C-alpha atoms as a PDB file:
ATOM      1  CA  MET A   1       4.245 -12.295  -4.503  1.00  0.00           C
ATOM      2  CA  ILE A   2       3.796  -8.509  -4.839  1.00  0.00           C
ATOM      3  CA  SER A   3       3.210  -6.149  -1.925  1.00  0.00           C
ATOM      4  CA  ALA A   4       1.791  -2.680  -2.175  1.00  0.00           C
ATOM      5  CA  ALA A   5       2.867  -0.077   0.186  1.00  0.00           C
ATOM      6  CA  PHE A   6       1.043   3.190   0.907  1.00  0.00           C
ATOM      7  CA  LEU A   7       1.711   6.307   3.093  1.00  0.00           C
ATOM      8  CA  VAL A   8      -1.648   7.680   4.074  1.00  0.00           C
ATOM      9  CA  LYS A   9      -3.073  10.585   6.113  1.00  0.00           C
ATOM     10  CA  ASP A  10      -6.781  10.652   6.204  1.00  0.00           C
ATOM     11  CA  PRO A  11      -7.418   9.608   2.661  1.00  0.00           C
ATOM     12  CA  PRO A  12     -11.053   9.267   1.489  1.00  0.00           C
ATOM     13  CA  LEU A  13     -11.656   5.695   2.552  1.00  0.00           C
ATOM     14  CA  ASP A  14     -14.006   4.753  -0.350  1.00  0.00           C
ATOM     15  CA  ARG A  15     -11.246   5.866  -2.792  1.00  0.00           C
ATOM     16  CA  LEU A  16      -8.488   4.075  -0.971  1.00  0.00           C
ATOM     17  CA  ARG A  17     -10.674   0.926  -0.683  1.00  0.00           C
ATOM     18  CA  SER A  18     -11.380   1.008  -4.409  1.00  0.00           C
ATOM     19  CA  LEU A  19      -7.750   1.262  -5.177  1.00  0.00           C
ATOM     20  CA  VAL A  20      -6.968  -1.674  -2.962  1.00  0.00           C
ATOM     21  CA  GLU A  21      -9.603  -3.691  -4.705  1.00  0.00           C
ATOM     22  CA  TYR A  22      -8.371  -2.617  -8.120  1.00  0.00           C
ATOM     23  CA  LEU A  23      -4.801  -3.835  -7.139  1.00  0.00           C
ATOM     24  CA  ARG A  24      -5.994  -7.065  -5.559  1.00  0.00           C
ATOM     25  CA  PRO A  25      -5.783  -9.272  -8.602  1.00  0.00           C
ATOM     26  CA  VAL A  26      -2.001  -8.563  -8.753  1.00  0.00           C
ATOM     27  CA  VAL A  27      -1.186  -7.563  -5.093  1.00  0.00           C
ATOM     28  CA  THR A  28      -1.638  -9.962  -2.236  1.00  0.00           C
ATOM     29  CA  ASP A  29       0.031  -8.012   0.612  1.00  0.00           C
ATOM     30  CA  PHE A  30      -0.974  -4.440   1.514  1.00  0.00           C
ATOM     31  CA  VAL A  31       1.007  -2.290   3.958  1.00  0.00           C
ATOM     32  CA  MET A  32      -0.479   1.050   4.988  1.00  0.00           C
ATOM     33  CA  VAL A  33       1.818   3.412   6.855  1.00  0.00           C
ATOM     34  CA  VAL A  34      -0.456   5.708   8.754  1.00  0.00           C
ATOM     35  CA  ASP A  35       1.054   8.826  10.226  1.00  0.00           C
ATOM     36  CA  ASP A  36       0.248  10.092  13.690  1.00  0.00           C
ATOM     37  CA  ARG A  37      -1.931  12.963  12.339  1.00  0.00           C
ATOM     38  CA  THR A  38      -4.491  10.511  10.937  1.00  0.00           C
ATOM     39  CA  ALA A  39      -7.885  10.194  12.677  1.00  0.00           C
ATOM     40  CA  ALA A  40      -8.261   7.134  14.835  1.00  0.00           C
ATOM     41  CA  GLU A  41     -11.462   6.190  13.006  1.00  0.00           C
ATOM     42  CA  THR A  42      -9.470   5.993   9.703  1.00  0.00           C
ATOM     43  CA  SER A  43      -6.807   3.819  11.212  1.00  0.00           C
ATOM     44  CA  ASP A  44      -9.433   1.497  12.721  1.00  0.00           C
ATOM     45  CA  ALA A  45     -11.195   1.124   9.454  1.00  0.00           C
ATOM     46  CA  ILE A  46      -8.026   0.334   7.424  1.00  0.00           C
ATOM     47  CA  ALA A  47      -6.867  -2.105  10.072  1.00  0.00           C
ATOM     48  CA  HIS A  48      -9.863  -4.323   9.385  1.00  0.00           C
ATOM     49  CA  TRP A  49      -9.280  -4.674   5.637  1.00  0.00           C
ATOM     50  CA  GLU A  50      -8.254  -8.263   4.589  1.00  0.00           C
ATOM     51  CA  GLY A  51      -4.659  -8.678   3.746  1.00  0.00           C
ATOM     52  CA  THR A  52      -3.717  -5.269   5.129  1.00  0.00           C
ATOM     53  CA  THR A  53      -1.002  -4.514   7.673  1.00  0.00           C
ATOM     54  CA  LEU A  54      -1.247  -1.126   9.468  1.00  0.00           C
ATOM     55  CA  VAL A  55       2.042   0.497  10.370  1.00  0.00           C
ATOM     56  CA  PRO A  56       1.886   3.552  12.772  1.00  0.00           C
ATOM     57  CA  PHE A  57       4.379   6.240  11.923  1.00  0.00           C
ATOM     58  CA  ARG A  58       5.403   9.400  13.762  1.00  0.00           C
ATOM     59  CA  TRP A  59       5.342  12.104  11.128  1.00  0.00           C
ATOM     60  CA  CYS A  60       8.765  13.695  10.753  1.00  0.00           C
ATOM     61  CA  ASP A  61       8.218  15.968   7.657  1.00  0.00           C
ATOM     62  CA  ASP A  62       9.896  13.376   5.381  1.00  0.00           C
ATOM     63  CA  PHE A  63       7.932  11.523   2.849  1.00  0.00           C
ATOM     64  CA  SER A  64      10.724   9.095   2.032  1.00  0.00           C
ATOM     65  CA  GLN A  65      11.063   7.953   5.708  1.00  0.00           C
ATOM     66  CA  GLY A  66       7.384   7.387   5.837  1.00  0.00           C
ATOM     67  CA  ARG A  67       7.296   5.306   2.689  1.00  0.00           C
ATOM     68  CA  ASN A  68      10.387   3.404   3.822  1.00  0.00           C
ATOM     69  CA  ALA A  69       8.732   2.538   7.066  1.00  0.00           C
ATOM     70  CA  ALA A  70       6.540   0.081   5.092  1.00  0.00           C
ATOM     71  CA  LEU A  71       9.409  -1.902   3.571  1.00  0.00           C
ATOM     72  CA  PRO A  72      10.235  -4.118   6.607  1.00  0.00           C
ATOM     73  CA  HIS A  73       6.522  -5.157   6.721  1.00  0.00           C
ATOM     74  CA  CYS A  74       6.171  -6.035   3.044  1.00  0.00           C
ATOM     75  CA  LYS A  75       6.134  -9.763   2.462  1.00  0.00           C
ATOM     76  CA  GLY A  76       6.351  -9.789  -1.334  1.00  0.00           C
ATOM     77  CA  ASP A  77       9.389 -10.369  -3.559  1.00  0.00           C
ATOM     78  CA  TRP A  78       8.329  -7.080  -5.184  1.00  0.00           C
ATOM     79  CA  THR A  79       6.958  -3.879  -3.670  1.00  0.00           C
ATOM     80  CA  LEU A  80       4.769  -1.401  -5.443  1.00  0.00           C
ATOM     81  CA  ILE A  81       4.806   2.006  -3.778  1.00  0.00           C
ATOM     82  CA  VAL A  82       1.435   3.664  -4.484  1.00  0.00           C
ATOM     83  CA  ASP A  83       0.050   7.060  -3.373  1.00  0.00           C
ATOM     84  CA  PRO A  84      -3.647   6.970  -2.385  1.00  0.00           C
ATOM     85  CA  ASP A  85      -4.478   9.286  -5.232  1.00  0.00           C
ATOM     86  CA  GLU A  86      -2.657   7.360  -7.954  1.00  0.00           C
ATOM     87  CA  LEU A  87      -4.217   4.730 -10.325  1.00  0.00           C
ATOM     88  CA  PRO A  88      -1.722   2.459 -11.999  1.00  0.00           C
ATOM     89  CA  SER A  89      -2.652   1.632 -15.566  1.00  0.00           C
ATOM     90  CA  ARG A  90      -3.892  -1.892 -16.505  1.00  0.00           C
ATOM     91  CA  ALA A  91      -0.716  -2.238 -18.567  1.00  0.00           C
ATOM     92  CA  MET A  92       1.425  -1.430 -15.614  1.00  0.00           C
ATOM     93  CA  LEU A  93      -0.413  -4.039 -13.547  1.00  0.00           C
ATOM     94  CA  ALA A  94      -0.025  -6.552 -16.275  1.00  0.00           C
ATOM     95  CA  PHE A  95       3.745  -5.832 -16.406  1.00  0.00           C
ATOM     96  CA  CYS A  96       4.066  -6.290 -12.611  1.00  0.00           C
ATOM     97  CA  GLU A  97       2.207  -9.496 -12.811  1.00  0.00           C
ATOM     98  CA  MET A  98       4.446 -10.711 -15.713  1.00  0.00           C
ATOM     99  CA  VAL A  99       7.671  -9.769 -13.780  1.00  0.00           C
ATOM    100  CA  ASP A 100       6.341 -11.521 -10.624  1.00  0.00           C
ATOM    101  CA  ARG A 101       5.773 -14.694 -12.691  1.00  0.00           C
ATOM    102  CA  SER A 102       9.099 -14.559 -14.348  1.00  0.00           C
ATOM    103  CA  GLU A 103      12.499 -15.783 -13.333  1.00  0.00           C
ATOM    104  CA  TRP A 104      13.424 -12.268 -12.195  1.00  0.00           C
ATOM    105  CA  GLY A 105      11.633 -12.792  -8.830  1.00  0.00           C
END
């Protein structure tokens, strides 16, 4: 099982939703760390997405702490850290899927 972890602050929801759907064939667990500067409407919308765990985070001016806040909530054997403005290549997703199916996991 592969988890995807995101650190978000008011991302364009249509773009983020498209990214989640793009990853869904490979990823089954989505963890969104939402910092405390994010609009309540954004958090509410994300919280209702299927297979998504919302993790509130008090911003401390440290991206690594924000990203790491997702890790205890990830259920997968593997975790893909993705920024909301990234788009992993199809080849990368195929590789992730292959690793997940292999004896490495």
